[in-house]
């Protein structure tokens, strides 16, 4: 898509500044210390439409009960539902349980992940990047906000055209290696959650303000 890709040198500087900031300011969250695909998938399922502070209290307890995909697959639906009690959006638990009963292991390729039931484009990118350190882009609400403000102020994530543009930008600014991409993607999410928020764009605190097309004008 024309205008959707970012010039390589600018993308490299943006990503480097972002990752340096993340090393200093990124939160110590339990799912960031694992590369286990199942544990990453559980975290991503829980984080959908739920604040990080709430998920932290449930994540370890759920994994204590169901430490592996095989353990989850063997569990009774009632036990899974009880372990999810309080998080809401219970379809996430049902979908996770159903997936565990259908597959024995998660693939590393984003396209193969997307082919699995209940896994969309963002979750596929997240599992590929965070579990397997694949060079995979991902765009959720926070990431879309950061990319729109930094590179495409007129893009509308609510339209299919805007979504395609932001996904293309996300792909074009990825670092060269999968290991760096893990940090890059985590940092994008963190920036959208802590600095480039929906309510307030804290531009004076932003590590990539020098590469942002919106900046303090927004």
C-alpha atoms as a PDB file:
ATOM      1  CA  UNK A   1       0.000   0.000   0.000  1.00  0.00           C
ATOM      2  CA  UNK A   2       1.428   3.364  -1.011  1.00  0.00           C
ATOM      3  CA  UNK A   3       2.605   5.468   1.889  1.00  0.00           C
ATOM      4  CA  UNK A   4       2.235   2.606   4.340  1.00  0.00           C
ATOM      5  CA  UNK A   5       5.877   1.660   4.633  1.00  0.00           C
ATOM      6  CA  UNK A   6       8.478   3.582   6.617  1.00  0.00           C
ATOM      7  CA  UNK A   7      11.887   4.570   5.296  1.00  0.00           C
ATOM      8  CA  UNK A   8      14.432   2.062   6.601  1.00  0.00           C
ATOM      9  CA  UNK A   9      16.754   4.476   8.394  1.00  0.00           C
ATOM     10  CA  UNK A  10      13.865   6.184  10.190  1.00  0.00           C
ATOM     11  CA  UNK A  11      12.386   2.828  11.155  1.00  0.00           C
ATOM     12  CA  UNK A  12      15.725   1.688  12.589  1.00  0.00           C
ATOM     13  CA  UNK A  13      16.144   4.845  14.681  1.00  0.00           C
ATOM     14  CA  UNK A  14      12.548   4.619  15.900  1.00  0.00           C
ATOM     15  CA  UNK A  15      12.945   0.999  16.980  1.00  0.00           C
ATOM     16  CA  UNK A  16      16.302   1.561  18.641  1.00  0.00           C
ATOM     17  CA  UNK A  17      15.027   4.496  20.703  1.00  0.00           C
ATOM     18  CA  UNK A  18      11.932   2.504  21.632  1.00  0.00           C
ATOM     19  CA  UNK A  19      13.904  -0.525  22.806  1.00  0.00           C
ATOM     20  CA  UNK A  20      16.368   1.534  24.840  1.00  0.00           C
ATOM     21  CA  UNK A  21      13.416   3.127  26.641  1.00  0.00           C
ATOM     22  CA  UNK A  22      11.802  -0.261  27.263  1.00  0.00           C
ATOM     23  CA  UNK A  23      14.909  -1.691  28.925  1.00  0.00           C
ATOM     24  CA  UNK A  24      14.677   1.059  31.525  1.00  0.00           C
ATOM     25  CA  UNK A  25      10.930   1.540  31.897  1.00  0.00           C
ATOM     26  CA  UNK A  26       9.287  -1.751  30.901  1.00  0.00           C
ATOM     27  CA  UNK A  27       7.227  -3.373  33.632  1.00  0.00           C
ATOM     28  CA  UNK A  28       8.314  -6.678  35.139  1.00  0.00           C
ATOM     29  CA  UNK A  29       5.339  -8.804  34.126  1.00  0.00           C
ATOM     30  CA  UNK A  30       5.278 -12.589  34.666  1.00  0.00           C
ATOM     31  CA  UNK A  31       4.570 -13.498  31.045  1.00  0.00           C
ATOM     32  CA  UNK A  32       7.603 -11.544  29.871  1.00  0.00           C
ATOM     33  CA  UNK A  33       9.942 -14.011  31.541  1.00  0.00           C
ATOM     34  CA  UNK A  34       8.727 -17.038  29.578  1.00  0.00           C
ATOM     35  CA  UNK A  35       9.099 -18.301  26.019  1.00  0.00           C
ATOM     36  CA  UNK A  36       6.697 -21.168  26.571  1.00  0.00           C
ATOM     37  CA  UNK A  37       4.073 -20.931  23.771  1.00  0.00           C
ATOM     38  CA  UNK A  38       1.229 -22.156  25.965  1.00  0.00           C
ATOM     39  CA  UNK A  39       1.996 -19.686  28.763  1.00  0.00           C
ATOM     40  CA  UNK A  40       2.291 -16.862  26.252  1.00  0.00           C
ATOM     41  CA  UNK A  41      -1.053 -17.843  24.732  1.00  0.00           C
ATOM     42  CA  UNK A  42      -2.713 -17.879  28.163  1.00  0.00           C
ATOM     43  CA  UNK A  43      -1.409 -14.379  28.879  1.00  0.00           C
ATOM     44  CA  UNK A  44      -2.620 -13.063  25.536  1.00  0.00           C
ATOM     45  CA  UNK A  45      -6.071 -14.577  26.061  1.00  0.00           C
ATOM     46  CA  UNK A  46      -6.331 -13.007  29.502  1.00  0.00           C
ATOM     47  CA  UNK A  47      -5.092  -9.611  28.342  1.00  0.00           C
ATOM     48  CA  UNK A  48      -7.823  -9.262  25.724  1.00  0.00           C
ATOM     49  CA  UNK A  49     -10.099  -6.465  26.967  1.00  0.00           C
ATOM     50  CA  UNK A  50      -8.714  -6.782  30.515  1.00  0.00           C
ATOM     51  CA  UNK A  51      -6.300  -4.503  32.341  1.00  0.00           C
ATOM     52  CA  UNK A  52      -2.821  -5.782  33.118  1.00  0.00           C
ATOM     53  CA  UNK A  53      -3.277  -5.186  36.858  1.00  0.00           C
ATOM     54  CA  UNK A  54      -6.215  -7.605  36.930  1.00  0.00           C
ATOM     55  CA  UNK A  55      -4.538 -10.248  34.789  1.00  0.00           C
ATOM     56  CA  UNK A  56      -1.471 -10.406  37.045  1.00  0.00           C
ATOM     57  CA  UNK A  57      -3.603 -11.765  39.860  1.00  0.00           C
ATOM     58  CA  UNK A  58      -5.062 -14.569  37.733  1.00  0.00           C
ATOM     59  CA  UNK A  59      -2.196 -15.622  35.473  1.00  0.00           C
ATOM     60  CA  UNK A  60      -0.089 -17.617  37.942  1.00  0.00           C
ATOM     61  CA  UNK A  61      -3.115 -19.183  39.626  1.00  0.00           C
ATOM     62  CA  UNK A  62      -4.489 -20.412  36.312  1.00  0.00           C
ATOM     63  CA  UNK A  63      -1.129 -21.896  35.346  1.00  0.00           C
ATOM     64  CA  UNK A  64      -0.758 -23.531  38.738  1.00  0.00           C
ATOM     65  CA  UNK A  65      -3.949 -25.442  37.988  1.00  0.00           C
ATOM     66  CA  UNK A  66      -3.233 -26.029  34.304  1.00  0.00           C
ATOM     67  CA  UNK A  67       0.571 -25.873  33.841  1.00  0.00           C
ATOM     68  CA  UNK A  68       0.557 -27.313  30.317  1.00  0.00           C
ATOM     69  CA  UNK A  69      -1.702 -27.413  27.297  1.00  0.00           C
ATOM     70  CA  UNK A  70      -2.178 -31.127  27.916  1.00  0.00           C
ATOM     71  CA  UNK A  71      -3.329 -30.464  31.480  1.00  0.00           C
ATOM     72  CA  UNK A  72      -5.815 -27.888  30.237  1.00  0.00           C
ATOM     73  CA  UNK A  73      -7.082 -30.270  27.562  1.00  0.00           C
ATOM     74  CA  UNK A  74      -7.857 -32.937  30.169  1.00  0.00           C
ATOM     75  CA  UNK A  75      -9.631 -30.538  32.521  1.00  0.00           C
ATOM     76  CA  UNK A  76     -13.392 -30.454  32.951  1.00  0.00           C
ATOM     77  CA  UNK A  77     -15.048 -27.322  31.529  1.00  0.00           C
ATOM     78  CA  UNK A  78     -16.341 -26.498  35.015  1.00  0.00           C
ATOM     79  CA  UNK A  79     -12.819 -26.328  36.444  1.00  0.00           C
ATOM     80  CA  UNK A  80     -11.620 -24.102  33.625  1.00  0.00           C
ATOM     81  CA  UNK A  81     -14.585 -21.790  34.094  1.00  0.00           C
ATOM     82  CA  UNK A  82     -13.986 -21.600  37.838  1.00  0.00           C
ATOM     83  CA  UNK A  83     -10.318 -20.696  37.293  1.00  0.00           C
ATOM     84  CA  UNK A  84     -11.414 -17.868  35.020  1.00  0.00           C
ATOM     85  CA  UNK A  85     -14.032 -16.581  37.462  1.00  0.00           C
ATOM     86  CA  UNK A  86     -13.636 -12.823  37.931  1.00  0.00           C
ATOM     87  CA  UNK A  87     -11.874 -12.062  34.646  1.00  0.00           C
ATOM     88  CA  UNK A  88     -15.058 -11.877  32.605  1.00  0.00           C
ATOM     89  CA  UNK A  89     -15.470 -12.499  28.871  1.00  0.00           C
ATOM     90  CA  UNK A  90     -15.697 -16.230  29.513  1.00  0.00           C
ATOM     91  CA  UNK A  91     -15.680 -17.073  25.812  1.00  0.00           C
ATOM     92  CA  UNK A  92     -11.922 -16.585  26.044  1.00  0.00           C
ATOM     93  CA  UNK A  93     -11.644 -19.464  28.511  1.00  0.00           C
ATOM     94  CA  UNK A  94     -13.913 -21.670  26.412  1.00  0.00           C
ATOM     95  CA  UNK A  95     -11.921 -20.934  23.268  1.00  0.00           C
ATOM     96  CA  UNK A  96      -8.623 -21.601  25.032  1.00  0.00           C
ATOM     97  CA  UNK A  97      -9.950 -24.891  26.394  1.00  0.00           C
ATOM     98  CA  UNK A  98     -11.278 -25.927  22.984  1.00  0.00           C
ATOM     99  CA  UNK A  99      -7.964 -25.123  21.337  1.00  0.00           C
ATOM    100  CA  UNK A 100      -6.043 -27.190  23.900  1.00  0.00           C
ATOM    101  CA  UNK A 101      -8.279 -30.151  23.094  1.00  0.00           C
ATOM    102  CA  UNK A 102      -7.614 -29.826  19.369  1.00  0.00           C
ATOM    103  CA  UNK A 103      -3.847 -29.339  19.177  1.00  0.00           C
ATOM    104  CA  UNK A 104      -0.933 -30.783  21.118  1.00  0.00           C
ATOM    105  CA  UNK A 105       1.561 -28.018  20.318  1.00  0.00           C
ATOM    106  CA  UNK A 106       1.461 -24.514  18.899  1.00  0.00           C
ATOM    107  CA  UNK A 107       3.286 -23.795  15.630  1.00  0.00           C
ATOM    108  CA  UNK A 108       5.781 -20.948  15.386  1.00  0.00           C
ATOM    109  CA  UNK A 109       4.595 -19.583  12.051  1.00  0.00           C
ATOM    110  CA  UNK A 110       2.073 -16.705  12.304  1.00  0.00           C
ATOM    111  CA  UNK A 111       0.024 -17.946   9.341  1.00  0.00           C
ATOM    112  CA  UNK A 112      -0.244 -21.430  10.831  1.00  0.00           C
ATOM    113  CA  UNK A 113      -1.240 -19.933  14.159  1.00  0.00           C
ATOM    114  CA  UNK A 114      -3.961 -17.876  12.491  1.00  0.00           C
ATOM    115  CA  UNK A 115      -5.418 -21.047  11.027  1.00  0.00           C
ATOM    116  CA  UNK A 116      -6.133 -22.368  14.523  1.00  0.00           C
ATOM    117  CA  UNK A 117      -9.603 -21.789  16.022  1.00  0.00           C
ATOM    118  CA  UNK A 118      -9.937 -18.729  18.214  1.00  0.00           C
ATOM    119  CA  UNK A 119      -6.610 -17.160  17.194  1.00  0.00           C
ATOM    120  CA  UNK A 120      -6.732 -13.879  15.305  1.00  0.00           C
ATOM    121  CA  UNK A 121      -4.035 -11.842  13.602  1.00  0.00           C
ATOM    122  CA  UNK A 122      -2.813 -10.076  16.739  1.00  0.00           C
ATOM    123  CA  UNK A 123      -2.632 -13.211  18.899  1.00  0.00           C
ATOM    124  CA  UNK A 124      -0.844 -15.087  16.117  1.00  0.00           C
ATOM    125  CA  UNK A 125       1.768 -12.333  15.886  1.00  0.00           C
ATOM    126  CA  UNK A 126       2.105 -12.168  19.670  1.00  0.00           C
ATOM    127  CA  UNK A 127       2.662 -15.908  20.113  1.00  0.00           C
ATOM    128  CA  UNK A 128       5.088 -16.078  17.183  1.00  0.00           C
ATOM    129  CA  UNK A 129       7.072 -13.106  18.485  1.00  0.00           C
ATOM    130  CA  UNK A 130       6.933 -13.594  22.249  1.00  0.00           C
ATOM    131  CA  UNK A 131       7.182 -17.397  22.394  1.00  0.00           C
ATOM    132  CA  UNK A 132       9.299 -18.236  19.362  1.00  0.00           C
ATOM    133  CA  UNK A 133      11.082 -14.904  18.822  1.00  0.00           C
ATOM    134  CA  UNK A 134       9.916 -14.840  15.229  1.00  0.00           C
ATOM    135  CA  UNK A 135      10.155 -11.650  13.235  1.00  0.00           C
ATOM    136  CA  UNK A 136       6.384 -11.077  13.295  1.00  0.00           C
ATOM    137  CA  UNK A 137       4.396  -7.860  13.451  1.00  0.00           C
ATOM    138  CA  UNK A 138       1.393  -7.362  15.716  1.00  0.00           C
ATOM    139  CA  UNK A 139      -1.179  -4.599  16.061  1.00  0.00           C
ATOM    140  CA  UNK A 140      -3.635  -4.213  18.912  1.00  0.00           C
ATOM    141  CA  UNK A 141      -5.394  -1.055  20.069  1.00  0.00           C
ATOM    142  CA  UNK A 142      -2.354   0.319  21.901  1.00  0.00           C
ATOM    143  CA  UNK A 143       0.052  -0.436  19.071  1.00  0.00           C
ATOM    144  CA  UNK A 144      -2.340   1.003  16.493  1.00  0.00           C
ATOM    145  CA  UNK A 145      -2.503   4.260  18.441  1.00  0.00           C
ATOM    146  CA  UNK A 146       1.273   4.562  18.607  1.00  0.00           C
ATOM    147  CA  UNK A 147       1.730   3.776  14.915  1.00  0.00           C
ATOM    148  CA  UNK A 148      -1.035   6.110  13.839  1.00  0.00           C
ATOM    149  CA  UNK A 149       0.292   9.039  15.839  1.00  0.00           C
ATOM    150  CA  UNK A 150       3.907   8.414  14.860  1.00  0.00           C
ATOM    151  CA  UNK A 151       3.562   7.546  11.186  1.00  0.00           C
ATOM    152  CA  UNK A 152       0.017   7.965   9.844  1.00  0.00           C
ATOM    153  CA  UNK A 153      -2.103  10.546  11.732  1.00  0.00           C
ATOM    154  CA  UNK A 154      -4.941  10.218   9.216  1.00  0.00           C
ATOM    155  CA  UNK A 155      -5.222   6.437   9.403  1.00  0.00           C
ATOM    156  CA  UNK A 156      -8.421   5.133  10.979  1.00  0.00           C
ATOM    157  CA  UNK A 157      -7.996   1.788  12.705  1.00  0.00           C
ATOM    158  CA  UNK A 158     -11.761   1.289  12.639  1.00  0.00           C
ATOM    159  CA  UNK A 159     -11.722   0.919   8.843  1.00  0.00           C
ATOM    160  CA  UNK A 160     -10.300  -2.009   6.885  1.00  0.00           C
ATOM    161  CA  UNK A 161      -8.112   0.361   4.893  1.00  0.00           C
ATOM    162  CA  UNK A 162      -6.723   1.961   8.040  1.00  0.00           C
ATOM    163  CA  UNK A 163      -6.049  -1.422   9.587  1.00  0.00           C
ATOM    164  CA  UNK A 164      -4.181  -2.623   6.517  1.00  0.00           C
ATOM    165  CA  UNK A 165      -2.085   0.520   6.509  1.00  0.00           C
ATOM    166  CA  UNK A 166      -1.111   0.218  10.168  1.00  0.00           C
ATOM    167  CA  UNK A 167      -0.317  -3.486   9.844  1.00  0.00           C
ATOM    168  CA  UNK A 168       1.909  -2.660   6.883  1.00  0.00           C
ATOM    169  CA  UNK A 169       3.687   0.029   8.915  1.00  0.00           C
ATOM    170  CA  UNK A 170       4.126  -2.414  11.788  1.00  0.00           C
ATOM    171  CA  UNK A 171       5.799  -4.887   9.441  1.00  0.00           C
ATOM    172  CA  UNK A 172       8.034  -2.242   7.874  1.00  0.00           C
ATOM    173  CA  UNK A 173       9.518  -1.044  11.186  1.00  0.00           C
ATOM    174  CA  UNK A 174      10.433  -4.479  12.564  1.00  0.00           C
ATOM    175  CA  UNK A 175      14.092  -4.955  13.550  1.00  0.00           C
ATOM    176  CA  UNK A 176      16.178  -7.367  11.515  1.00  0.00           C
ATOM    177  CA  UNK A 177      16.233 -10.210  14.041  1.00  0.00           C
ATOM    178  CA  UNK A 178      13.557 -12.097  15.906  1.00  0.00           C
ATOM    179  CA  UNK A 179      15.226 -11.517  19.261  1.00  0.00           C
ATOM    180  CA  UNK A 180      15.191  -7.739  18.738  1.00  0.00           C
ATOM    181  CA  UNK A 181      11.609  -8.022  17.491  1.00  0.00           C
ATOM    182  CA  UNK A 182      10.549  -9.550  20.817  1.00  0.00           C
ATOM    183  CA  UNK A 183      11.761  -6.433  22.620  1.00  0.00           C
ATOM    184  CA  UNK A 184      10.467  -4.091  19.904  1.00  0.00           C
ATOM    185  CA  UNK A 185       6.937  -5.494  20.071  1.00  0.00           C
ATOM    186  CA  UNK A 186       6.873  -5.526  23.857  1.00  0.00           C
ATOM    187  CA  UNK A 187       8.058  -1.913  23.822  1.00  0.00           C
ATOM    188  CA  UNK A 188       5.360  -0.818  21.361  1.00  0.00           C
ATOM    189  CA  UNK A 189       2.665  -2.283  23.593  1.00  0.00           C
ATOM    190  CA  UNK A 190       4.232  -0.736  26.681  1.00  0.00           C
ATOM    191  CA  UNK A 191       4.524   2.703  25.101  1.00  0.00           C
ATOM    192  CA  UNK A 192       0.845   2.658  24.190  1.00  0.00           C
ATOM    193  CA  UNK A 193      -0.098   1.552  27.694  1.00  0.00           C
ATOM    194  CA  UNK A 194       2.083   3.956  29.688  1.00  0.00           C
ATOM    195  CA  UNK A 195       2.955   7.013  27.571  1.00  0.00           C
ATOM    196  CA  UNK A 196       1.051   7.273  24.299  1.00  0.00           C
ATOM    197  CA  UNK A 197      -2.286   6.578  25.948  1.00  0.00           C
ATOM    198  CA  UNK A 198      -5.794   7.093  24.633  1.00  0.00           C
ATOM    199  CA  UNK A 199      -6.583   9.820  27.156  1.00  0.00           C
ATOM    200  CA  UNK A 200      -3.270  11.661  27.138  1.00  0.00           C
ATOM    201  CA  UNK A 201      -0.330  11.614  24.752  1.00  0.00           C
ATOM    202  CA  UNK A 202       2.609  12.343  27.071  1.00  0.00           C
ATOM    203  CA  UNK A 203       4.785  13.592  24.269  1.00  0.00           C
ATOM    204  CA  UNK A 204       7.440  15.182  26.474  1.00  0.00           C
ATOM    205  CA  UNK A 205       8.069  11.736  28.029  1.00  0.00           C
ATOM    206  CA  UNK A 206       8.005   9.843  24.752  1.00  0.00           C
ATOM    207  CA  UNK A 207      11.273   8.196  23.630  1.00  0.00           C
ATOM    208  CA  UNK A 208      10.300   8.378  19.949  1.00  0.00           C
ATOM    209  CA  UNK A 209       8.962  11.935  19.839  1.00  0.00           C
ATOM    210  CA  UNK A 210      11.718  12.949  17.408  1.00  0.00           C
ATOM    211  CA  UNK A 211      10.338  10.479  14.869  1.00  0.00           C
ATOM    212  CA  UNK A 212       6.642  11.220  15.450  1.00  0.00           C
ATOM    213  CA  UNK A 213       4.498  13.050  12.886  1.00  0.00           C
ATOM    214  CA  UNK A 214       1.983  14.097  15.526  1.00  0.00           C
ATOM    215  CA  UNK A 215       4.188  14.996  18.458  1.00  0.00           C
ATOM    216  CA  UNK A 216       3.106  17.629  20.923  1.00  0.00           C
ATOM    217  CA  UNK A 217       0.612  19.066  18.440  1.00  0.00           C
ATOM    218  CA  UNK A 218      -1.962  16.385  19.252  1.00  0.00           C
END
